Amino acid sequence: MLLDPAANKSLGTVGQFAWGGAASTAFWVDPIEDVTVVFMTQLLPSNTYPLRRHLQAGVYQALVD
C-alpha cells in the first residue's frame, strides 16, 4: 500500500496498492482516483524496459477531473 507518493517517487495517491509479476505483468488499484489497471505482457526479464512506470504515467496523465 502506498503511504507517501513523494517519498516513493511515484504517481498515485495514498492508499493505492499494486503488484508486479513475472514477465513485466502488473496491476494497481487507486481507490481515490477510482482507477484499476491490469497490464499483461510477456517481456522477460521484467527490467528490460520501464514499461510499468511508463504505463502508470500515461494512465495518470489521461485522467480528467
PDB file of N, CA and C in Angstrom:
ATOM      1  N   MET A   1       0.848  -1.173   0.000  1.00  0.00           N
ATOM      2  CA  MET A   1       0.000   0.000   0.000  1.00  0.00           C
ATOM      3  C   MET A   1       0.891   1.233   0.000  1.00  0.00           C
ATOM      4  N   LEU A   2       0.540   2.171  -0.853  1.00  0.00           N
ATOM      5  CA  LEU A   2       1.306   3.409  -0.981  1.00  0.00           C
ATOM      6  C   LEU A   2       0.901   4.367   0.137  1.00  0.00           C
ATOM      7  N   LEU A   3       1.879   4.756   0.949  1.00  0.00           N
ATOM      8  CA  LEU A   3       1.618   5.671   2.061  1.00  0.00           C
ATOM      9  C   LEU A   3       2.136   7.078   1.806  1.00  0.00           C
ATOM     10  N   ASP A   4       3.213   7.195   1.027  1.00  0.00           N
ATOM     11  CA  ASP A   4       3.809   8.503   0.762  1.00  0.00           C
ATOM     12  C   ASP A   4       4.297   8.537  -0.683  1.00  0.00           C
ATOM     13  N   PRO A   5       3.460   9.007  -1.625  1.00  0.00           N
ATOM     14  CA  PRO A   5       3.864   9.021  -3.035  1.00  0.00           C
ATOM     15  C   PRO A   5       5.144   9.813  -3.293  1.00  0.00           C
ATOM     16  N   ALA A   6       5.344  10.920  -2.615  1.00  0.00           N
ATOM     17  CA  ALA A   6       6.552  11.730  -2.833  1.00  0.00           C
ATOM     18  C   ALA A   6       7.807  10.965  -2.410  1.00  0.00           C
ATOM     19  N   ALA A   7       7.758  10.314  -1.264  1.00  0.00           N
ATOM     20  CA  ALA A   7       8.913   9.549  -0.795  1.00  0.00           C
ATOM     21  C   ALA A   7       9.182   8.347  -1.697  1.00  0.00           C
ATOM     22  N   ASN A   8       8.136   7.806  -2.291  1.00  0.00           N
ATOM     23  CA  ASN A   8       8.260   6.648  -3.181  1.00  0.00           C
ATOM     24  C   ASN A   8       8.642   7.059  -4.607  1.00  0.00           C
ATOM     25  N   LYS A   9       8.615   8.366  -4.877  1.00  0.00           N
ATOM     26  CA  LYS A   9       8.920   8.905  -6.208  1.00  0.00           C
ATOM     27  C   LYS A   9       8.046   8.266  -7.274  1.00  0.00           C
ATOM     28  N   SER A  10       6.742   8.217  -6.985  1.00  0.00           N
ATOM     29  CA  SER A  10       5.823   7.622  -7.945  1.00  0.00           C
ATOM     30  C   SER A  10       4.534   8.413  -8.009  1.00  0.00           C
ATOM     31  N   LEU A  11       3.820   8.221  -9.104  1.00  0.00           N
ATOM     32  CA  LEU A  11       2.493   8.801  -9.233  1.00  0.00           C
ATOM     33  C   LEU A  11       1.524   7.954  -8.422  1.00  0.00           C
ATOM     34  N   GLY A  12       0.412   8.524  -8.087  1.00  0.00           N
ATOM     35  CA  GLY A  12      -0.587   7.774  -7.341  1.00  0.00           C
ATOM     36  C   GLY A  12      -1.009   8.535  -6.114  1.00  0.00           C
ATOM     37  N   THR A  13      -1.903   7.924  -5.375  1.00  0.00           N
ATOM     38  CA  THR A  13      -2.427   8.556  -4.172  1.00  0.00           C
ATOM     39  C   THR A  13      -2.251   7.616  -2.980  1.00  0.00           C
ATOM     40  N   VAL A  14      -2.371   8.187  -1.801  1.00  0.00           N
ATOM     41  CA  VAL A  14      -2.280   7.392  -0.579  1.00  0.00           C
ATOM     42  C   VAL A  14      -3.376   6.339  -0.611  1.00  0.00           C
ATOM     43  N   GLY A  15      -3.024   5.111  -0.334  1.00  0.00           N
ATOM     44  CA  GLY A  15      -3.989   4.012  -0.342  1.00  0.00           C
ATOM     45  C   GLY A  15      -3.938   3.162  -1.589  1.00  0.00           C
ATOM     46  N   GLN A  16      -3.182   3.606  -2.586  1.00  0.00           N
ATOM     47  CA  GLN A  16      -3.025   2.812  -3.808  1.00  0.00           C
ATOM     48  C   GLN A  16      -2.304   1.521  -3.456  1.00  0.00           C
ATOM     49  N   PHE A  17      -2.703   0.420  -4.079  1.00  0.00           N
ATOM     50  CA  PHE A  17      -1.974  -0.825  -3.880  1.00  0.00           C
ATOM     51  C   PHE A  17      -1.721  -1.466  -5.231  1.00  0.00           C
ATOM     52  N   ALA A  18      -0.653  -2.258  -5.292  1.00  0.00           N
ATOM     53  CA  ALA A  18      -0.208  -2.788  -6.583  1.00  0.00           C
ATOM     54  C   ALA A  18       0.552  -4.084  -6.406  1.00  0.00           C
ATOM     55  N   TRP A  19       0.772  -4.736  -7.538  1.00  0.00           N
ATOM     56  CA  TRP A  19       1.581  -5.948  -7.579  1.00  0.00           C
ATOM     57  C   TRP A  19       2.230  -6.020  -8.939  1.00  0.00           C
ATOM     58  N   GLY A  20       3.502  -6.354  -8.962  1.00  0.00           N
ATOM     59  CA  GLY A  20       4.226  -6.573 -10.209  1.00  0.00           C
ATOM     60  C   GLY A  20       4.645  -8.030 -10.278  1.00  0.00           C
ATOM     61  N   GLY A  21       4.342  -8.665 -11.389  1.00  0.00           N
ATOM     62  CA  GLY A  21       4.623 -10.091 -11.511  1.00  0.00           C
ATOM     63  C   GLY A  21       5.700 -10.394 -12.532  1.00  0.00           C
ATOM     64  N   ALA A  22       5.824 -11.669 -12.814  1.00  0.00           N
ATOM     65  CA  ALA A  22       6.807 -12.129 -13.791  1.00  0.00           C
ATOM     66  C   ALA A  22       6.437 -11.635 -15.187  1.00  0.00           C
ATOM     67  N   ALA A  23       7.407 -11.541 -16.043  1.00  0.00           N
ATOM     68  CA  ALA A  23       7.236 -11.170 -17.443  1.00  0.00           C
ATOM     69  C   ALA A  23       6.626  -9.778 -17.592  1.00  0.00           C
ATOM     70  N   SER A  24       6.918  -8.891 -16.652  1.00  0.00           N
ATOM     71  CA  SER A  24       6.500  -7.483 -16.674  1.00  0.00           C
ATOM     72  C   SER A  24       5.009  -7.253 -16.457  1.00  0.00           C
ATOM     73  N   THR A  25       4.263  -8.274 -16.061  1.00  0.00           N
ATOM     74  CA  THR A  25       2.849  -8.074 -15.768  1.00  0.00           C
ATOM     75  C   THR A  25       2.701  -7.212 -14.521  1.00  0.00           C
ATOM     76  N   ALA A  26       1.556  -6.565 -14.382  1.00  0.00           N
ATOM     77  CA  ALA A  26       1.327  -5.708 -13.216  1.00  0.00           C
ATOM     78  C   ALA A  26      -0.151  -5.396 -13.075  1.00  0.00           C
ATOM     79  N   PHE A  27      -0.531  -5.026 -11.853  1.00  0.00           N
ATOM     80  CA  PHE A  27      -1.831  -4.414 -11.655  1.00  0.00           C
ATOM     81  C   PHE A  27      -1.707  -3.393 -10.553  1.00  0.00           C
ATOM     82  N   TRP A  28      -2.575  -2.397 -10.570  1.00  0.00           N
ATOM     83  CA  TRP A  28      -2.673  -1.486  -9.448  1.00  0.00           C
ATOM     84  C   TRP A  28      -4.082  -0.956  -9.350  1.00  0.00           C
ATOM     85  N   VAL A  29      -4.443  -0.593  -8.134  1.00  0.00           N
ATOM     86  CA  VAL A  29      -5.756  -0.038  -7.834  1.00  0.00           C
ATOM     87  C   VAL A  29      -5.536   1.249  -7.062  1.00  0.00           C
ATOM     88  N   ASP A  30      -6.159   2.311  -7.539  1.00  0.00           N
ATOM     89  CA  ASP A  30      -6.103   3.606  -6.871  1.00  0.00           C
ATOM     90  C   ASP A  30      -7.537   3.960  -6.487  1.00  0.00           C
ATOM     91  N   PRO A  31      -7.926   3.673  -5.239  1.00  0.00           N
ATOM     92  CA  PRO A  31      -9.321   3.893  -4.848  1.00  0.00           C
ATOM     93  C   PRO A  31      -9.736   5.366  -4.832  1.00  0.00           C
ATOM     94  N   ILE A  32      -8.814   6.285  -4.609  1.00  0.00           N
ATOM     95  CA  ILE A  32      -9.167   7.706  -4.599  1.00  0.00           C
ATOM     96  C   ILE A  32      -9.489   8.198  -6.005  1.00  0.00           C
ATOM     97  N   GLU A  33      -8.695   7.794  -6.981  1.00  0.00           N
ATOM     98  CA  GLU A  33      -8.931   8.192  -8.378  1.00  0.00           C
ATOM     99  C   GLU A  33      -9.926   7.273  -9.082  1.00  0.00           C
ATOM    100  N   ASP A  34     -10.353   6.210  -8.410  1.00  0.00           N
ATOM    101  CA  ASP A  34     -11.289   5.232  -8.980  1.00  0.00           C
ATOM    102  C   ASP A  34     -10.708   4.609 -10.247  1.00  0.00           C
ATOM    103  N   VAL A  35      -9.451   4.152 -10.147  1.00  0.00           N
ATOM    104  CA  VAL A  35      -8.731   3.573 -11.280  1.00  0.00           C
ATOM    105  C   VAL A  35      -8.267   2.165 -10.915  1.00  0.00           C
ATOM    106  N   THR A  36      -8.491   1.241 -11.842  1.00  0.00           N
ATOM    107  CA  THR A  36      -7.948  -0.105 -11.733  1.00  0.00           C
ATOM    108  C   THR A  36      -7.266  -0.430 -13.048  1.00  0.00           C
ATOM    109  N   VAL A  37      -6.023  -0.901 -12.980  1.00  0.00           N
ATOM    110  CA  VAL A  37      -5.248  -1.207 -14.181  1.00  0.00           C
ATOM    111  C   VAL A  37      -4.725  -2.631 -14.076  1.00  0.00           C
ATOM    112  N   VAL A  38      -4.899  -3.388 -15.149  1.00  0.00           N
ATOM    113  CA  VAL A  38      -4.319  -4.725 -15.274  1.00  0.00           C
ATOM    114  C   VAL A  38      -3.494  -4.712 -16.548  1.00  0.00           C
ATOM    115  N   PHE A  39      -2.214  -5.018 -16.424  1.00  0.00           N
ATOM    116  CA  PHE A  39      -1.289  -4.967 -17.554  1.00  0.00           C
ATOM    117  C   PHE A  39      -0.696  -6.353 -17.751  1.00  0.00           C
ATOM    118  N   MET A  40      -0.972  -6.942 -18.895  1.00  0.00           N
ATOM    119  CA  MET A  40      -0.496  -8.291 -19.199  1.00  0.00           C
ATOM    120  C   MET A  40       0.490  -8.221 -20.365  1.00  0.00           C
ATOM    121  N   THR A  41       1.645  -8.791 -20.161  1.00  0.00           N
ATOM    122  CA  THR A  41       2.650  -8.833 -21.219  1.00  0.00           C
ATOM    123  C   THR A  41       3.528 -10.062 -20.995  1.00  0.00           C
ATOM    124  N   GLN A  42       4.426 -10.308 -21.892  1.00  0.00           N
ATOM    125  CA  GLN A  42       5.343 -11.445 -21.790  1.00  0.00           C
ATOM    126  C   GLN A  42       6.757 -10.978 -22.091  1.00  0.00           C
ATOM    127  N   LEU A  43       7.254 -10.050 -21.309  1.00  0.00           N
ATOM    128  CA  LEU A  43       8.584  -9.486 -21.535  1.00  0.00           C
ATOM    129  C   LEU A  43       9.503  -9.900 -20.390  1.00  0.00           C
ATOM    130  N   LEU A  44      10.490 -10.700 -20.702  1.00  0.00           N
ATOM    131  CA  LEU A  44      11.462 -11.144 -19.703  1.00  0.00           C
ATOM    132  C   LEU A  44      12.844 -10.652 -20.101  1.00  0.00           C
ATOM    133  N   PRO A  45      13.668 -10.258 -19.166  1.00  0.00           N
ATOM    134  CA  PRO A  45      13.343 -10.027 -17.756  1.00  0.00           C
ATOM    135  C   PRO A  45      12.498  -8.766 -17.585  1.00  0.00           C
ATOM    136  N   SER A  46      11.877  -8.656 -16.435  1.00  0.00           N
ATOM    137  CA  SER A  46      10.941  -7.566 -16.170  1.00  0.00           C
ATOM    138  C   SER A  46      11.574  -6.189 -16.237  1.00  0.00           C
ATOM    139  N   ASN A  47      12.866  -6.084 -16.010  1.00  0.00           N
ATOM    140  CA  ASN A  47      13.516  -4.764 -16.012  1.00  0.00           C
ATOM    141  C   ASN A  47      14.132  -4.413 -17.368  1.00  0.00           C
ATOM    142  N   THR A  48      13.753  -5.117 -18.441  1.00  0.00           N
ATOM    143  CA  THR A  48      14.288  -4.828 -19.771  1.00  0.00           C
ATOM    144  C   THR A  48      13.928  -3.420 -20.214  1.00  0.00           C
ATOM    145  N   TYR A  49      12.661  -3.051 -20.050  1.00  0.00           N
ATOM    146  CA  TYR A  49      12.158  -1.719 -20.379  1.00  0.00           C
ATOM    147  C   TYR A  49      11.302  -1.237 -19.206  1.00  0.00           C
ATOM    148  N   PRO A  50      11.252   0.067 -18.944  1.00  0.00           N
ATOM    149  CA  PRO A  50      10.448   0.574 -17.812  1.00  0.00           C
ATOM    150  C   PRO A  50       8.960   0.678 -18.171  1.00  0.00           C
ATOM    151  N   LEU A  51       8.388  -0.412 -18.664  1.00  0.00           N
ATOM    152  CA  LEU A  51       7.003  -0.396 -19.130  1.00  0.00           C
ATOM    153  C   LEU A  51       6.015  -0.015 -18.041  1.00  0.00           C
ATOM    154  N   ARG A  52       6.185  -0.543 -16.856  1.00  0.00           N
ATOM    155  CA  ARG A  52       5.222  -0.273 -15.777  1.00  0.00           C
ATOM    156  C   ARG A  52       5.178   1.216 -15.441  1.00  0.00           C
ATOM    157  N   ARG A  53       6.323   1.832 -15.319  1.00  0.00           N
ATOM    158  CA  ARG A  53       6.381   3.255 -14.975  1.00  0.00           C
ATOM    159  C   ARG A  53       5.800   4.117 -16.103  1.00  0.00           C
ATOM    160  N   HIS A  54       6.081   3.753 -17.354  1.00  0.00           N
ATOM    161  CA  HIS A  54       5.524   4.487 -18.493  1.00  0.00           C
ATOM    162  C   HIS A  54       4.004   4.325 -18.549  1.00  0.00           C
ATOM    163  N   LEU A  55       3.517   3.132 -18.310  1.00  0.00           N
ATOM    164  CA  LEU A  55       2.075   2.895 -18.297  1.00  0.00           C
ATOM    165  C   LEU A  55       1.410   3.716 -17.199  1.00  0.00           C
ATOM    166  N   GLN A  56       1.989   3.702 -16.018  1.00  0.00           N
ATOM    167  CA  GLN A  56       1.411   4.454 -14.903  1.00  0.00           C
ATOM    168  C   GLN A  56       1.375   5.952 -15.218  1.00  0.00           C
ATOM    169  N   ALA A  57       2.445   6.485 -15.791  1.00  0.00           N
ATOM    170  CA  ALA A  57       2.471   7.901 -16.148  1.00  0.00           C
ATOM    171  C   ALA A  57       1.390   8.217 -17.179  1.00  0.00           C
ATOM    172  N   GLY A  58       1.233   7.364 -18.175  1.00  0.00           N
ATOM    173  CA  GLY A  58       0.221   7.585 -19.200  1.00  0.00           C
ATOM    174  C   GLY A  58      -1.194   7.543 -18.656  1.00  0.00           C
ATOM    175  N   VAL A  59      -1.451   6.610 -17.755  1.00  0.00           N
ATOM    176  CA  VAL A  59      -2.783   6.500 -17.160  1.00  0.00           C
ATOM    177  C   VAL A  59      -3.109   7.751 -16.353  1.00  0.00           C
ATOM    178  N   TYR A  60      -2.181   8.199 -15.513  1.00  0.00           N
ATOM    179  CA  TYR A  60      -2.456   9.370 -14.692  1.00  0.00           C
ATOM    180  C   TYR A  60      -2.527  10.653 -15.517  1.00  0.00           C
ATOM    181  N   GLN A  61      -1.782  10.726 -16.607  1.00  0.00           N
ATOM    182  CA  GLN A  61      -1.875  11.895 -17.496  1.00  0.00           C
ATOM    183  C   GLN A  61      -3.219  11.941 -18.215  1.00  0.00           C
ATOM    184  N   ALA A  62      -3.838  10.789 -18.423  1.00  0.00           N
ATOM    185  CA  ALA A  62      -5.116  10.735 -19.143  1.00  0.00           C
ATOM    186  C   ALA A  62      -6.321  11.044 -18.259  1.00  0.00           C
ATOM    187  N   LEU A  63      -6.137  11.082 -16.951  1.00  0.00           N
ATOM    188  CA  LEU A  63      -7.258  11.351 -16.064  1.00  0.00           C
ATOM    189  C   LEU A  63      -7.734  12.807 -16.196  1.00  0.00           C
ATOM    190  N   VAL A  64      -9.029  12.970 -16.219  1.00  0.00           N
ATOM    191  CA  VAL A  64      -9.624  14.300 -16.319  1.00  0.00           C
ATOM    192  C   VAL A  64     -10.573  14.468 -15.135  1.00  0.00           C
ATOM    193  N   ASP A  65     -10.446  15.573 -14.435  1.00  0.00           N
ATOM    194  CA  ASP A  65     -11.344  15.825 -13.291  1.00  0.00           C
ATOM    195  C   ASP A  65     -12.681  16.303 -13.749  1.00  0.00           C
TER     196      ASP A  65
END
